Amino acid sequence: MPHLTPAYRDGETLYLSGALGFGSDGQISGDITEQTQKTLENLEAVLKDNGVDRNSVMRCGVYLTDTANFAAFDAAYAAFFGDHLPARSTIICGLALDTALIEIDVIAKG
C-alpha cells in the first residue's frame, strides 16, 4: 500500500490524492473512456466519504500517458462534470502502473 491518504482536509479545502481506474476486482482495465469514468467514480466516492460532491471540485490535475487519448478523455470528463467547470491541468507523462492510462487528483471545497 502506498504511503498516502485518499484525502486530506485543511479547513474548508479538501485535497484528494491521485486516483486510478481500479475496478472492484482491484484491476485497471479498459480503454481511456472506461478508465476515465472509473477514475472519476473512485474520486467521487472519496468526495462523498468526506461529505462533499462533484460540484465542490475546484481543480483537477489530470495525467495522461498518451496525447492520442485526450479527446476521448475530455468527452468522458465533460460528461461526468456537466455544466460544472473546475480548473484543470492536463499533463502527458508516464504513470507508475503499466495498465493505467490516466490518473486524476482533485482539490475541492468542503
PDB file of N, CA and C in Angstrom:
ATOM      1  N   MET A   1       0.839  -1.186   0.000  1.00  0.00           N
ATOM      2  CA  MET A   1       0.000   0.000   0.000  1.00  0.00           C
ATOM      3  C   MET A   1       0.882   1.246   0.000  1.00  0.00           C
ATOM      4  N   PRO A   2       0.635   2.188  -0.914  1.00  0.00           N
ATOM      5  CA  PRO A   2       1.433   3.415  -0.957  1.00  0.00           C
ATOM      6  C   PRO A   2       1.292   4.234   0.332  1.00  0.00           C
ATOM      7  N   HIS A   3       2.302   5.019   0.626  1.00  0.00           N
ATOM      8  CA  HIS A   3       2.314   5.874   1.818  1.00  0.00           C
ATOM      9  C   HIS A   3       1.579   7.174   1.492  1.00  0.00           C
ATOM     10  N   LEU A   4       0.233   7.133   1.585  1.00  0.00           N
ATOM     11  CA  LEU A   4      -0.593   8.313   1.318  1.00  0.00           C
ATOM     12  C   LEU A   4      -1.952   8.114   1.937  1.00  0.00           C
ATOM     13  N   THR A   5      -2.722   9.166   1.969  1.00  0.00           N
ATOM     14  CA  THR A   5      -4.109   9.109   2.412  1.00  0.00           C
ATOM     15  C   THR A   5      -4.989   9.475   1.215  1.00  0.00           C
ATOM     16  N   PRO A   6      -6.179   8.887   1.102  1.00  0.00           N
ATOM     17  CA  PRO A   6      -7.038   9.238  -0.038  1.00  0.00           C
ATOM     18  C   PRO A   6      -7.443  10.717  -0.059  1.00  0.00           C
ATOM     19  N   ALA A   7      -7.573  11.321   1.132  1.00  0.00           N
ATOM     20  CA  ALA A   7      -7.977  12.725   1.199  1.00  0.00           C
ATOM     21  C   ALA A   7      -7.399  13.365   2.451  1.00  0.00           C
ATOM     22  N   TYR A   8      -7.100  14.654   2.329  1.00  0.00           N
ATOM     23  CA  TYR A   8      -6.585  15.430   3.450  1.00  0.00           C
ATOM     24  C   TYR A   8      -7.354  16.741   3.492  1.00  0.00           C
ATOM     25  N   ARG A   9      -7.931  17.044   4.639  1.00  0.00           N
ATOM     26  CA  ARG A   9      -8.690  18.288   4.802  1.00  0.00           C
ATOM     27  C   ARG A   9      -7.849  19.316   5.546  1.00  0.00           C
ATOM     28  N   ASP A  10      -7.848  20.543   5.028  1.00  0.00           N
ATOM     29  CA  ASP A  10      -7.222  21.681   5.686  1.00  0.00           C
ATOM     30  C   ASP A  10      -8.266  22.787   5.701  1.00  0.00           C
ATOM     31  N   GLY A  11      -8.954  22.926   6.819  1.00  0.00           N
ATOM     32  CA  GLY A  11     -10.041  23.904   6.894  1.00  0.00           C
ATOM     33  C   GLY A  11     -11.157  23.516   5.951  1.00  0.00           C
ATOM     34  N   GLU A  12     -11.490  24.411   5.045  1.00  0.00           N
ATOM     35  CA  GLU A  12     -12.568  24.159   4.075  1.00  0.00           C
ATOM     36  C   GLU A  12     -12.052  23.611   2.746  1.00  0.00           C
ATOM     37  N   THR A  13     -10.769  23.246   2.682  1.00  0.00           N
ATOM     38  CA  THR A  13     -10.207  22.714   1.451  1.00  0.00           C
ATOM     39  C   THR A  13      -9.904  21.241   1.626  1.00  0.00           C
ATOM     40  N   LEU A  14     -10.309  20.453   0.636  1.00  0.00           N
ATOM     41  CA  LEU A  14     -10.111  19.023   0.649  1.00  0.00           C
ATOM     42  C   LEU A  14      -9.200  18.649  -0.519  1.00  0.00           C
ATOM     43  N   TYR A  15      -8.099  18.005  -0.213  1.00  0.00           N
ATOM     44  CA  TYR A  15      -7.126  17.573  -1.215  1.00  0.00           C
ATOM     45  C   TYR A  15      -7.255  16.065  -1.392  1.00  0.00           C
ATOM     46  N   LEU A  16      -7.515  15.616  -2.611  1.00  0.00           N
ATOM     47  CA  LEU A  16      -7.607  14.189  -2.885  1.00  0.00           C
ATOM     48  C   LEU A  16      -6.356  13.726  -3.602  1.00  0.00           C
ATOM     49  N   SER A  17      -5.798  12.628  -3.128  1.00  0.00           N
ATOM     50  CA  SER A  17      -4.643  12.021  -3.787  1.00  0.00           C
ATOM     51  C   SER A  17      -5.032  11.564  -5.188  1.00  0.00           C
ATOM     52  N   GLY A  18      -4.044  11.394  -6.020  1.00  0.00           N
ATOM     53  CA  GLY A  18      -4.285  10.901  -7.368  1.00  0.00           C
ATOM     54  C   GLY A  18      -4.992   9.559  -7.332  1.00  0.00           C
ATOM     55  N   ALA A  19      -5.969   9.409  -8.202  1.00  0.00           N
ATOM     56  CA  ALA A  19      -6.742   8.168  -8.288  1.00  0.00           C
ATOM     57  C   ALA A  19      -6.556   7.559  -9.673  1.00  0.00           C
ATOM     58  N   LEU A  20      -6.660   6.244  -9.688  1.00  0.00           N
ATOM     59  CA  LEU A  20      -6.588   5.477 -10.930  1.00  0.00           C
ATOM     60  C   LEU A  20      -7.918   4.765 -11.136  1.00  0.00           C
ATOM     61  N   GLY A  21      -8.066   4.136 -12.278  1.00  0.00           N
ATOM     62  CA  GLY A  21      -9.313   3.470 -12.626  1.00  0.00           C
ATOM     63  C   GLY A  21      -9.422   2.041 -12.125  1.00  0.00           C
ATOM     64  N   PHE A  22      -9.101   1.818 -10.853  1.00  0.00           N
ATOM     65  CA  PHE A  22      -9.231   0.479 -10.291  1.00  0.00           C
ATOM     66  C   PHE A  22     -10.699   0.073 -10.243  1.00  0.00           C
ATOM     67  N   GLY A  23     -10.987  -1.138 -10.697  1.00  0.00           N
ATOM     68  CA  GLY A  23     -12.322  -1.696 -10.581  1.00  0.00           C
ATOM     69  C   GLY A  23     -12.485  -2.391  -9.246  1.00  0.00           C
ATOM     70  N   SER A  24     -13.668  -2.928  -9.000  1.00  0.00           N
ATOM     71  CA  SER A  24     -13.936  -3.619  -7.736  1.00  0.00           C
ATOM     72  C   SER A  24     -13.075  -4.870  -7.576  1.00  0.00           C
ATOM     73  N   ASP A  25     -12.532  -5.370  -8.685  1.00  0.00           N
ATOM     74  CA  ASP A  25     -11.643  -6.536  -8.636  1.00  0.00           C
ATOM     75  C   ASP A  25     -10.188  -6.160  -8.355  1.00  0.00           C
ATOM     76  N   GLY A  26      -9.928  -4.856  -8.152  1.00  0.00           N
ATOM     77  CA  GLY A  26      -8.578  -4.397  -7.869  1.00  0.00           C
ATOM     78  C   GLY A  26      -7.690  -4.271  -9.090  1.00  0.00           C
ATOM     79  N   GLN A  27      -8.277  -4.381 -10.262  1.00  0.00           N
ATOM     80  CA  GLN A  27      -7.530  -4.309 -11.519  1.00  0.00           C
ATOM     81  C   GLN A  27      -7.860  -3.026 -12.277  1.00  0.00           C
ATOM     82  N   ILE A  28      -6.929  -2.612 -13.120  1.00  0.00           N
ATOM     83  CA  ILE A  28      -7.154  -1.494 -14.034  1.00  0.00           C
ATOM     84  C   ILE A  28      -7.269  -2.086 -15.435  1.00  0.00           C
ATOM     85  N   SER A  29      -8.387  -1.814 -16.089  1.00  0.00           N
ATOM     86  CA  SER A  29      -8.563  -2.331 -17.443  1.00  0.00           C
ATOM     87  C   SER A  29      -9.428  -1.369 -18.235  1.00  0.00           C
ATOM     88  N   GLY A  30      -9.541  -1.630 -19.519  1.00  0.00           N
ATOM     89  CA  GLY A  30     -10.398  -0.827 -20.376  1.00  0.00           C
ATOM     90  C   GLY A  30      -9.639   0.253 -21.117  1.00  0.00           C
ATOM     91  N   ASP A  31     -10.366   0.910 -22.018  1.00  0.00           N
ATOM     92  CA  ASP A  31      -9.783   1.994 -22.799  1.00  0.00           C
ATOM     93  C   ASP A  31      -9.814   3.289 -21.989  1.00  0.00           C
ATOM     94  N   ILE A  32      -9.402   4.367 -22.596  1.00  0.00           N
ATOM     95  CA  ILE A  32      -9.296   5.636 -21.877  1.00  0.00           C
ATOM     96  C   ILE A  32     -10.661   6.123 -21.384  1.00  0.00           C
ATOM     97  N   THR A  33     -11.715   5.897 -22.149  1.00  0.00           N
ATOM     98  CA  THR A  33     -13.046   6.313 -21.704  1.00  0.00           C
ATOM     99  C   THR A  33     -13.448   5.560 -20.450  1.00  0.00           C
ATOM    100  N   GLU A  34     -13.284   4.251 -20.461  1.00  0.00           N
ATOM    101  CA  GLU A  34     -13.636   3.435 -19.295  1.00  0.00           C
ATOM    102  C   GLU A  34     -12.780   3.783 -18.086  1.00  0.00           C
ATOM    103  N   GLN A  35     -11.479   3.966 -18.312  1.00  0.00           N
ATOM    104  CA  GLN A  35     -10.599   4.305 -17.189  1.00  0.00           C
ATOM    105  C   GLN A  35     -10.908   5.693 -16.644  1.00  0.00           C
ATOM    106  N   THR A  36     -11.243   6.640 -17.503  1.00  0.00           N
ATOM    107  CA  THR A  36     -11.608   7.978 -17.030  1.00  0.00           C
ATOM    108  C   THR A  36     -12.874   7.913 -16.178  1.00  0.00           C
ATOM    109  N   GLN A  37     -13.886   7.210 -16.672  1.00  0.00           N
ATOM    110  CA  GLN A  37     -15.142   7.083 -15.919  1.00  0.00           C
ATOM    111  C   GLN A  37     -14.894   6.429 -14.559  1.00  0.00           C
ATOM    112  N   LYS A  38     -14.133   5.351 -14.530  1.00  0.00           N
ATOM    113  CA  LYS A  38     -13.885   4.641 -13.276  1.00  0.00           C
ATOM    114  C   LYS A  38     -13.051   5.503 -12.332  1.00  0.00           C
ATOM    115  N   THR A  39     -12.056   6.205 -12.850  1.00  0.00           N
ATOM    116  CA  THR A  39     -11.238   7.088 -12.020  1.00  0.00           C
ATOM    117  C   THR A  39     -12.100   8.168 -11.380  1.00  0.00           C
ATOM    118  N   LEU A  40     -12.969   8.778 -12.154  1.00  0.00           N
ATOM    119  CA  LEU A  40     -13.849   9.828 -11.619  1.00  0.00           C
ATOM    120  C   LEU A  40     -14.846   9.258 -10.614  1.00  0.00           C
ATOM    121  N   GLU A  41     -15.344   8.052 -10.849  1.00  0.00           N
ATOM    122  CA  GLU A  41     -16.227   7.406  -9.870  1.00  0.00           C
ATOM    123  C   GLU A  41     -15.483   7.135  -8.569  1.00  0.00           C
ATOM    124  N   ASN A  42     -14.233   6.694  -8.674  1.00  0.00           N
ATOM    125  CA  ASN A  42     -13.427   6.447  -7.473  1.00  0.00           C
ATOM    126  C   ASN A  42     -13.194   7.734  -6.702  1.00  0.00           C
ATOM    127  N   LEU A  43     -12.918   8.828  -7.406  1.00  0.00           N
ATOM    128  CA  LEU A  43     -12.748  10.118  -6.749  1.00  0.00           C
ATOM    129  C   LEU A  43     -14.057  10.582  -6.108  1.00  0.00           C
ATOM    130  N   GLU A  44     -15.163  10.364  -6.800  1.00  0.00           N
ATOM    131  CA  GLU A  44     -16.457  10.776  -6.257  1.00  0.00           C
ATOM    132  C   GLU A  44     -16.764  10.034  -4.951  1.00  0.00           C
ATOM    133  N   ALA A  45     -16.368   8.777  -4.861  1.00  0.00           N
ATOM    134  CA  ALA A  45     -16.577   8.018  -3.623  1.00  0.00           C
ATOM    135  C   ALA A  45     -15.793   8.638  -2.466  1.00  0.00           C
ATOM    136  N   VAL A  46     -14.578   9.099  -2.732  1.00  0.00           N
ATOM    137  CA  VAL A  46     -13.771   9.751  -1.689  1.00  0.00           C
ATOM    138  C   VAL A  46     -14.402  11.091  -1.313  1.00  0.00           C
ATOM    139  N   LEU A  47     -14.882  11.835  -2.301  1.00  0.00           N
ATOM    140  CA  LEU A  47     -15.572  13.090  -2.009  1.00  0.00           C
ATOM    141  C   LEU A  47     -16.766  12.837  -1.095  1.00  0.00           C
ATOM    142  N   LYS A  48     -17.591  11.848  -1.437  1.00  0.00           N
ATOM    143  CA  LYS A  48     -18.777  11.536  -0.634  1.00  0.00           C
ATOM    144  C   LYS A  48     -18.394  11.110   0.774  1.00  0.00           C
ATOM    145  N   ASP A  49     -17.314  10.334   0.896  1.00  0.00           N
ATOM    146  CA  ASP A  49     -16.833   9.926   2.219  1.00  0.00           C
ATOM    147  C   ASP A  49     -16.479  11.130   3.078  1.00  0.00           C
ATOM    148  N   ASN A  50     -16.188  12.260   2.413  1.00  0.00           N
ATOM    149  CA  ASN A  50     -15.801  13.480   3.112  1.00  0.00           C
ATOM    150  C   ASN A  50     -16.901  14.537   3.096  1.00  0.00           C
ATOM    151  N   GLY A  51     -18.122  14.123   2.745  1.00  0.00           N
ATOM    152  CA  GLY A  51     -19.277  14.999   2.854  1.00  0.00           C
ATOM    153  C   GLY A  51     -19.449  16.032   1.767  1.00  0.00           C
ATOM    154  N   VAL A  52     -18.818  15.832   0.616  1.00  0.00           N
ATOM    155  CA  VAL A  52     -18.976  16.776  -0.494  1.00  0.00           C
ATOM    156  C   VAL A  52     -19.301  16.007  -1.775  1.00  0.00           C
ATOM    157  N   ASP A  53     -19.666  16.736  -2.830  1.00  0.00           N
ATOM    158  CA  ASP A  53     -19.974  16.090  -4.099  1.00  0.00           C
ATOM    159  C   ASP A  53     -19.123  16.684  -5.215  1.00  0.00           C
ATOM    160  N   ARG A  54     -19.343  16.190  -6.416  1.00  0.00           N
ATOM    161  CA  ARG A  54     -18.516  16.617  -7.559  1.00  0.00           C
ATOM    162  C   ARG A  54     -18.604  18.108  -7.843  1.00  0.00           C
ATOM    163  N   ASN A  55     -19.701  18.752  -7.469  1.00  0.00           N
ATOM    164  CA  ASN A  55     -19.838  20.192  -7.689  1.00  0.00           C
ATOM    165  C   ASN A  55     -18.969  21.013  -6.751  1.00  0.00           C
ATOM    166  N   SER A  56     -18.344  20.366  -5.775  1.00  0.00           N
ATOM    167  CA  SER A  56     -17.409  21.032  -4.866  1.00  0.00           C
ATOM    168  C   SER A  56     -15.980  21.049  -5.408  1.00  0.00           C
ATOM    169  N   VAL A  57     -15.741  20.328  -6.495  1.00  0.00           N
ATOM    170  CA  VAL A  57     -14.397  20.250  -7.065  1.00  0.00           C
ATOM    171  C   VAL A  57     -14.022  21.597  -7.665  1.00  0.00           C
ATOM    172  N   MET A  58     -12.876  22.124  -7.229  1.00  0.00           N
ATOM    173  CA  MET A  58     -12.374  23.409  -7.726  1.00  0.00           C
ATOM    174  C   MET A  58     -11.306  23.224  -8.790  1.00  0.00           C
ATOM    175  N   ARG A  59     -10.522  22.141  -8.667  1.00  0.00           N
ATOM    176  CA  ARG A  59      -9.399  21.927  -9.582  1.00  0.00           C
ATOM    177  C   ARG A  59      -9.121  20.449  -9.723  1.00  0.00           C
ATOM    178  N   CYS A  60      -8.748  20.044 -10.943  1.00  0.00           N
ATOM    179  CA  CYS A  60      -8.306  18.679 -11.212  1.00  0.00           C
ATOM    180  C   CYS A  60      -6.932  18.735 -11.875  1.00  0.00           C
ATOM    181  N   GLY A  61      -6.060  17.852 -11.458  1.00  0.00           N
ATOM    182  CA  GLY A  61      -4.803  17.608 -12.144  1.00  0.00           C
ATOM    183  C   GLY A  61      -4.954  16.288 -12.869  1.00  0.00           C
ATOM    184  N   VAL A  62      -4.795  16.294 -14.176  1.00  0.00           N
ATOM    185  CA  VAL A  62      -5.001  15.101 -14.992  1.00  0.00           C
ATOM    186  C   VAL A  62      -3.673  14.700 -15.620  1.00  0.00           C
ATOM    187  N   TYR A  63      -3.374  13.412 -15.533  1.00  0.00           N
ATOM    188  CA  TYR A  63      -2.131  12.859 -16.067  1.00  0.00           C
ATOM    189  C   TYR A  63      -2.488  11.755 -17.047  1.00  0.00           C
ATOM    190  N   LEU A  64      -2.192  11.968 -18.310  1.00  0.00           N
ATOM    191  CA  LEU A  64      -2.471  11.013 -19.382  1.00  0.00           C
ATOM    192  C   LEU A  64      -1.164  10.425 -19.896  1.00  0.00           C
ATOM    193  N   THR A  65      -1.207   9.161 -20.303  1.00  0.00           N
ATOM    194  CA  THR A  65       0.006   8.531 -20.829  1.00  0.00           C
ATOM    195  C   THR A  65       0.170   8.743 -22.328  1.00  0.00           C
ATOM    196  N   ASP A  66      -0.878   9.212 -23.020  1.00  0.00           N
ATOM    197  CA  ASP A  66      -0.815   9.309 -24.482  1.00  0.00           C
ATOM    198  C   ASP A  66      -1.657  10.490 -24.961  1.00  0.00           C
ATOM    199  N   THR A  67      -1.052  11.374 -25.700  1.00  0.00           N
ATOM    200  CA  THR A  67      -1.751  12.532 -26.259  1.00  0.00           C
ATOM    201  C   THR A  67      -2.944  12.104 -27.103  1.00  0.00           C
ATOM    202  N   ALA A  68      -2.836  10.974 -27.769  1.00  0.00           N
ATOM    203  CA  ALA A  68      -3.918  10.487 -28.630  1.00  0.00           C
ATOM    204  C   ALA A  68      -5.198  10.205 -27.845  1.00  0.00           C
ATOM    205  N   ASN A  69      -5.100  10.049 -26.531  1.00  0.00           N
ATOM    206  CA  ASN A  69      -6.267   9.777 -25.695  1.00  0.00           C
ATOM    207  C   ASN A  69      -6.988  11.033 -25.212  1.00  0.00           C
ATOM    208  N   PHE A  70      -6.466  12.215 -25.544  1.00  0.00           N
ATOM    209  CA  PHE A  70      -7.024  13.436 -24.975  1.00  0.00           C
ATOM    210  C   PHE A  70      -8.502  13.642 -25.309  1.00  0.00           C
ATOM    211  N   ALA A  71      -8.882  13.520 -26.568  1.00  0.00           N
ATOM    212  CA  ALA A  71     -10.272  13.807 -26.960  1.00  0.00           C
ATOM    213  C   ALA A  71     -11.262  12.879 -26.251  1.00  0.00           C
ATOM    214  N   ALA A  72     -10.953  11.591 -26.195  1.00  0.00           N
ATOM    215  CA  ALA A  72     -11.852  10.641 -25.532  1.00  0.00           C
ATOM    216  C   ALA A  72     -11.901  10.901 -24.027  1.00  0.00           C
ATOM    217  N   PHE A  73     -10.736  11.201 -23.424  1.00  0.00           N
ATOM    218  CA  PHE A  73     -10.724  11.579 -22.007  1.00  0.00           C
ATOM    219  C   PHE A  73     -11.602  12.797 -21.783  1.00  0.00           C
ATOM    220  N   ASP A  74     -11.412  13.837 -22.597  1.00  0.00           N
ATOM    221  CA  ASP A  74     -12.124  15.099 -22.398  1.00  0.00           C
ATOM    222  C   ASP A  74     -13.634  14.905 -22.516  1.00  0.00           C
ATOM    223  N   ALA A  75     -14.074  14.046 -23.417  1.00  0.00           N
ATOM    224  CA  ALA A  75     -15.506  13.772 -23.567  1.00  0.00           C
ATOM    225  C   ALA A  75     -16.069  13.081 -22.321  1.00  0.00           C
ATOM    226  N   ALA A  76     -15.346  12.101 -21.790  1.00  0.00           N
ATOM    227  CA  ALA A  76     -15.801  11.403 -20.577  1.00  0.00           C
ATOM    228  C   ALA A  76     -15.792  12.344 -19.378  1.00  0.00           C
ATOM    229  N   TYR A  77     -14.767  13.185 -19.285  1.00  0.00           N
ATOM    230  CA  TYR A  77     -14.644  14.171 -18.203  1.00  0.00           C
ATOM    231  C   TYR A  77     -15.809  15.161 -18.266  1.00  0.00           C
ATOM    232  N   ALA A  78     -16.113  15.670 -19.468  1.00  0.00           N
ATOM    233  CA  ALA A  78     -17.209  16.626 -19.647  1.00  0.00           C
ATOM    234  C   ALA A  78     -18.550  15.986 -19.297  1.00  0.00           C
ATOM    235  N   ALA A  79     -18.743  14.726 -19.661  1.00  0.00           N
ATOM    236  CA  ALA A  79     -19.987  14.030 -19.330  1.00  0.00           C
ATOM    237  C   ALA A  79     -20.145  13.893 -17.816  1.00  0.00           C
ATOM    238  N   PHE A  80     -19.051  13.656 -17.112  1.00  0.00           N
ATOM    239  CA  PHE A  80     -19.091  13.500 -15.664  1.00  0.00           C
ATOM    240  C   PHE A  80     -19.427  14.817 -14.970  1.00  0.00           C
ATOM    241  N   PHE A  81     -18.752  15.900 -15.356  1.00  0.00           N
ATOM    242  CA  PHE A  81     -18.932  17.175 -14.664  1.00  0.00           C
ATOM    243  C   PHE A  81     -20.093  18.008 -15.196  1.00  0.00           C
ATOM    244  N   GLY A  82     -20.558  17.750 -16.399  1.00  0.00           N
ATOM    245  CA  GLY A  82     -21.678  18.522 -16.947  1.00  0.00           C
ATOM    246  C   GLY A  82     -21.356  20.002 -17.016  1.00  0.00           C
ATOM    247  N   ASP A  83     -22.253  20.827 -16.465  1.00  0.00           N
ATOM    248  CA  ASP A  83     -22.079  22.283 -16.505  1.00  0.00           C
ATOM    249  C   ASP A  83     -21.029  22.800 -15.526  1.00  0.00           C
ATOM    250  N   HIS A  84     -20.618  21.965 -14.575  1.00  0.00           N
ATOM    251  CA  HIS A  84     -19.595  22.368 -13.605  1.00  0.00           C
ATOM    252  C   HIS A  84     -18.232  22.331 -14.294  1.00  0.00           C
ATOM    253  N   LEU A  85     -17.477  23.414 -14.198  1.00  0.00           N
ATOM    254  CA  LEU A  85     -16.203  23.544 -14.913  1.00  0.00           C
ATOM    255  C   LEU A  85     -15.052  23.821 -13.950  1.00  0.00           C
ATOM    256  N   PRO A  86     -14.506  22.775 -13.292  1.00  0.00           N
ATOM    257  CA  PRO A  86     -13.363  23.011 -12.421  1.00  0.00           C
ATOM    258  C   PRO A  86     -12.146  23.442 -13.247  1.00  0.00           C
ATOM    259  N   ALA A  87     -11.248  24.189 -12.624  1.00  0.00           N
ATOM    260  CA  ALA A  87      -9.970  24.477 -13.269  1.00  0.00           C
ATOM    261  C   ALA A  87      -9.254  23.143 -13.486  1.00  0.00           C
ATOM    262  N   ARG A  88      -8.398  23.069 -14.513  1.00  0.00           N
ATOM    263  CA  ARG A  88      -7.768  21.789 -14.821  1.00  0.00           C
ATOM    264  C   ARG A  88      -6.418  21.984 -15.483  1.00  0.00           C
ATOM    265  N   SER A  89      -5.484  21.120 -15.110  1.00  0.00           N
ATOM    266  CA  SER A  89      -4.230  20.961 -15.832  1.00  0.00           C
ATOM    267  C   SER A  89      -4.244  19.567 -16.424  1.00  0.00           C
ATOM    268  N   THR A  90      -3.713  19.413 -17.623  1.00  0.00           N
ATOM    269  CA  THR A  90      -3.607  18.094 -18.244  1.00  0.00           C
ATOM    270  C   THR A  90      -2.165  17.909 -18.698  1.00  0.00           C
ATOM    271  N   ILE A  91      -1.549  16.860 -18.191  1.00  0.00           N
ATOM    272  CA  ILE A  91      -0.135  16.603 -18.429  1.00  0.00           C
ATOM    273  C   ILE A  91       0.026  15.237 -19.079  1.00  0.00           C
ATOM    274  N   ILE A  92       0.872  15.136 -20.075  1.00  0.00           N
ATOM    275  CA  ILE A  92       1.196  13.861 -20.699  1.00  0.00           C
ATOM    276  C   ILE A  92       2.479  13.355 -20.044  1.00  0.00           C
ATOM    277  N   CYS A  93       2.415  12.116 -19.507  1.00  0.00           N
ATOM    278  CA  CYS A  93       3.550  11.581 -18.761  1.00  0.00           C
ATOM    279  C   CYS A  93       3.424  10.065 -18.616  1.00  0.00           C
ATOM    280  N   GLY A  94       4.424   9.457 -18.039  1.00  0.00           N
ATOM    281  CA  GLY A  94       4.346   8.058 -17.665  1.00  0.00           C
ATOM    282  C   GLY A  94       3.671   7.944 -16.306  1.00  0.00           C
ATOM    283  N   LEU A  95       3.047   6.789 -16.045  1.00  0.00           N
ATOM    284  CA  LEU A  95       2.413   6.539 -14.756  1.00  0.00           C
ATOM    285  C   LEU A  95       3.059   5.318 -14.115  1.00  0.00           C
ATOM    286  N   ALA A  96       2.892   5.167 -12.813  1.00  0.00           N
ATOM    287  CA  ALA A  96       3.571   4.121 -12.051  1.00  0.00           C
ATOM    288  C   ALA A  96       3.108   2.716 -12.424  1.00  0.00           C
ATOM    289  N   LEU A  97       1.863   2.561 -12.849  1.00  0.00           N
ATOM    290  CA  LEU A  97       1.344   1.242 -13.219  1.00  0.00           C
ATOM    291  C   LEU A  97       1.178   1.154 -14.731  1.00  0.00           C
ATOM    292  N   ASP A  98       1.701   0.103 -15.318  1.00  0.00           N
ATOM    293  CA  ASP A  98       1.696  -0.046 -16.776  1.00  0.00           C
ATOM    294  C   ASP A  98       0.307  -0.054 -17.402  1.00  0.00           C
ATOM    295  N   THR A  99      -0.697  -0.568 -16.697  1.00  0.00           N
ATOM    296  CA  THR A  99      -2.042  -0.651 -17.258  1.00  0.00           C
ATOM    297  C   THR A  99      -2.829   0.650 -17.141  1.00  0.00           C
ATOM    298  N   ALA A 100      -2.319   1.605 -16.361  1.00  0.00           N
ATOM    299  CA  ALA A 100      -3.023   2.874 -16.155  1.00  0.00           C
ATOM    300  C   ALA A 100      -2.796   3.808 -17.339  1.00  0.00           C
ATOM    301  N   LEU A 101      -3.870   4.327 -17.868  1.00  0.00           N
ATOM    302  CA  LEU A 101      -3.816   5.311 -18.950  1.00  0.00           C
ATOM    303  C   LEU A 101      -4.034   6.720 -18.435  1.00  0.00           C
ATOM    304  N   ILE A 102      -4.565   6.845 -17.200  1.00  0.00           N
ATOM    305  CA  ILE A 102      -4.928   8.141 -16.644  1.00  0.00           C
ATOM    306  C   ILE A 102      -4.851   8.106 -15.120  1.00  0.00           C
ATOM    307  N   GLU A 103      -4.477   9.247 -14.546  1.00  0.00           N
ATOM    308  CA  GLU A 103      -4.560   9.479 -13.108  1.00  0.00           C
ATOM    309  C   GLU A 103      -5.102  10.887 -12.922  1.00  0.00           C
ATOM    310  N   ILE A 104      -5.942  11.068 -11.911  1.00  0.00           N
ATOM    311  CA  ILE A 104      -6.526  12.389 -11.650  1.00  0.00           C
ATOM    312  C   ILE A 104      -6.435  12.680 -10.162  1.00  0.00           C
ATOM    313  N   ASP A 105      -5.980  13.887  -9.810  1.00  0.00           N
ATOM    314  CA  ASP A 105      -6.069  14.351  -8.419  1.00  0.00           C
ATOM    315  C   ASP A 105      -6.994  15.552  -8.372  1.00  0.00           C
ATOM    316  N   VAL A 106      -7.502  15.857  -7.183  1.00  0.00           N
ATOM    317  CA  VAL A 106      -8.575  16.843  -7.046  1.00  0.00           C
ATOM    318  C   VAL A 106      -8.337  17.737  -5.836  1.00  0.00           C
ATOM    319  N   ILE A 107      -8.731  18.988  -5.975  1.00  0.00           N
ATOM    320  CA  ILE A 107      -8.879  19.907  -4.842  1.00  0.00           C
ATOM    321  C   ILE A 107     -10.340  20.338  -4.838  1.00  0.00           C
ATOM    322  N   ALA A 108     -10.971  20.200  -3.669  1.00  0.00           N
ATOM    323  CA  ALA A 108     -12.388  20.542  -3.555  1.00  0.00           C
ATOM    324  C   ALA A 108     -12.611  21.458  -2.351  1.00  0.00           C
ATOM    325  N   LYS A 109     -13.712  22.183  -2.377  1.00  0.00           N
ATOM    326  CA  LYS A 109     -14.103  22.975  -1.212  1.00  0.00           C
ATOM    327  C   LYS A 109     -15.013  22.111  -0.370  1.00  0.00           C
ATOM    328  N   GLY A 110     -14.911  22.268   0.908  1.00  0.00           N
ATOM    329  CA  GLY A 110     -15.729  21.362   1.682  1.00  0.00           C
ATOM    330  C   GLY A 110     -16.013  21.783   3.044  1.00  0.00           C
TER     331      GLY A 110
END
